[in-house]
Amino acid sequence: MSNINLQFGKAVRRLRKKRGWSQEKLAELAGLHWTYIGRIERGRQNISLANVGKIARALKISVEKLFKGVH
């Protein structure tokens, strides 16, 4: 996968772990499957904008903040 997928996945993982959440917890709050979250965090999933929004809402941050540090 692309470098942006890897960077985005690392950002999701960092924010999830900062909250002390498991992948299952984030998935539940975002309305997604935990294996999908795992693929995102490993940079192996090309995520849709709709799902970016779901993850941002679950983490209670803006989409812009979710992309902070992603180049």
C-alpha atoms as a PDB file:
ATOM      1  CA  MET A   1       0.000   0.000   0.000  1.00  0.00           C
ATOM      2  CA  SER A   2       0.980   3.613  -0.296  1.00  0.00           C
ATOM      3  CA  ASN A   3       2.999   5.628   2.169  1.00  0.00           C
ATOM      4  CA  ILE A   4      -0.049   7.782   2.982  1.00  0.00           C
ATOM      5  CA  ASN A   5      -1.964   4.671   4.071  1.00  0.00           C
ATOM      6  CA  LEU A   6       0.895   3.721   6.401  1.00  0.00           C
ATOM      7  CA  GLN A   7       1.117   7.223   7.864  1.00  0.00           C
ATOM      8  CA  PHE A   8      -2.647   7.464   8.333  1.00  0.00           C
ATOM      9  CA  GLY A   9      -2.730   4.037   9.973  1.00  0.00           C
ATOM     10  CA  LYS A  10       0.016   5.031  12.395  1.00  0.00           C
ATOM     11  CA  ALA A  11      -1.939   8.165  13.297  1.00  0.00           C
ATOM     12  CA  VAL A  12      -5.088   6.138  13.996  1.00  0.00           C
ATOM     13  CA  ARG A  13      -3.120   3.652  16.124  1.00  0.00           C
ATOM     14  CA  ARG A  14      -1.397   6.440  18.091  1.00  0.00           C
ATOM     15  CA  LEU A  15      -4.684   8.200  18.856  1.00  0.00           C
ATOM     16  CA  ARG A  16      -6.431   4.933  19.751  1.00  0.00           C
ATOM     17  CA  LYS A  17      -3.656   3.858  22.103  1.00  0.00           C
ATOM     18  CA  LYS A  18      -3.529   7.337  23.650  1.00  0.00           C
ATOM     19  CA  ARG A  19      -7.098   6.700  24.780  1.00  0.00           C
ATOM     20  CA  GLY A  20      -6.265   3.215  26.019  1.00  0.00           C
ATOM     21  CA  TRP A  21      -8.693   1.618  23.594  1.00  0.00           C
ATOM     22  CA  SER A  22      -8.461  -1.726  21.866  1.00  0.00           C
ATOM     23  CA  GLN A  23      -9.105  -2.039  18.150  1.00  0.00           C
ATOM     24  CA  GLU A  24     -12.401  -3.641  19.094  1.00  0.00           C
ATOM     25  CA  LYS A  25     -13.437  -0.607  21.172  1.00  0.00           C
ATOM     26  CA  LEU A  26     -12.605   1.857  18.388  1.00  0.00           C
ATOM     27  CA  ALA A  27     -14.403  -0.329  15.860  1.00  0.00           C
ATOM     28  CA  GLU A  28     -17.500  -0.504  18.062  1.00  0.00           C
ATOM     29  CA  LEU A  29     -17.594   3.275  18.555  1.00  0.00           C
ATOM     30  CA  ALA A  30     -17.019   3.908  14.833  1.00  0.00           C
ATOM     31  CA  GLY A  31     -19.518   1.290  13.655  1.00  0.00           C
ATOM     32  CA  LEU A  32     -16.829  -0.651  11.815  1.00  0.00           C
ATOM     33  CA  HIS A  33     -15.371  -4.156  12.119  1.00  0.00           C
ATOM     34  CA  TRP A  34     -12.256  -4.608  14.274  1.00  0.00           C
ATOM     35  CA  THR A  35     -10.391  -6.387  11.474  1.00  0.00           C
ATOM     36  CA  TYR A  36     -10.989  -3.337   9.264  1.00  0.00           C
ATOM     37  CA  ILE A  37      -9.423  -1.118  11.961  1.00  0.00           C
ATOM     38  CA  GLY A  38      -6.449  -3.508  12.067  1.00  0.00           C
ATOM     39  CA  ARG A  39      -5.974  -3.278   8.301  1.00  0.00           C
ATOM     40  CA  ILE A  40      -6.151   0.521   8.483  1.00  0.00           C
ATOM     41  CA  GLU A  41      -3.562   0.653  11.264  1.00  0.00           C
ATOM     42  CA  ARG A  42      -1.199  -1.591   9.273  1.00  0.00           C
ATOM     43  CA  GLY A  43      -1.629   0.601   6.170  1.00  0.00           C
ATOM     44  CA  ARG A  44      -3.223  -2.246   4.221  1.00  0.00           C
ATOM     45  CA  GLN A  45      -6.654  -0.691   3.778  1.00  0.00           C
ATOM     46  CA  ASN A  46      -7.544   2.078   1.354  1.00  0.00           C
ATOM     47  CA  ILE A  47     -10.115   3.803   3.572  1.00  0.00           C
ATOM     48  CA  SER A  48     -13.109   5.775   2.294  1.00  0.00           C
ATOM     49  CA  LEU A  49     -13.784   9.350   3.353  1.00  0.00           C
ATOM     50  CA  ALA A  50     -17.010   8.224   5.011  1.00  0.00           C
ATOM     51  CA  ASN A  51     -15.047   5.836   7.227  1.00  0.00           C
ATOM     52  CA  VAL A  52     -12.421   8.492   7.968  1.00  0.00           C
ATOM     53  CA  GLY A  53     -15.301  10.570   9.317  1.00  0.00           C
ATOM     54  CA  LYS A  54     -16.599   7.669  11.422  1.00  0.00           C
ATOM     55  CA  ILE A  55     -13.176   7.126  12.986  1.00  0.00           C
ATOM     56  CA  ALA A  56     -12.714  10.846  13.663  1.00  0.00           C
ATOM     57  CA  ARG A  57     -16.141  11.043  15.346  1.00  0.00           C
ATOM     58  CA  ALA A  58     -15.392   7.956  17.423  1.00  0.00           C
ATOM     59  CA  LEU A  59     -12.095   9.501  18.550  1.00  0.00           C
ATOM     60  CA  LYS A  60     -13.908  12.832  19.148  1.00  0.00           C
ATOM     61  CA  ILE A  61     -11.499  14.785  16.982  1.00  0.00           C
ATOM     62  CA  SER A  62     -11.733  16.652  13.705  1.00  0.00           C
ATOM     63  CA  VAL A  63     -10.838  14.985  10.433  1.00  0.00           C
ATOM     64  CA  GLU A  64      -8.082  17.585  10.092  1.00  0.00           C
ATOM     65  CA  LYS A  65      -6.536  16.521  13.389  1.00  0.00           C
ATOM     66  CA  LEU A  66      -6.721  12.876  12.353  1.00  0.00           C
ATOM     67  CA  PHE A  67      -4.549  13.740   9.332  1.00  0.00           C
ATOM     68  CA  LYS A  68      -2.030  15.758  11.351  1.00  0.00           C
ATOM     69  CA  GLY A  69       1.455  14.552  10.438  1.00  0.00           C
ATOM     70  CA  VAL A  70       0.266  12.639   7.353  1.00  0.00           C
ATOM     71  CA  HIS A  71       2.109  13.843   4.241  1.00  0.00           C
END
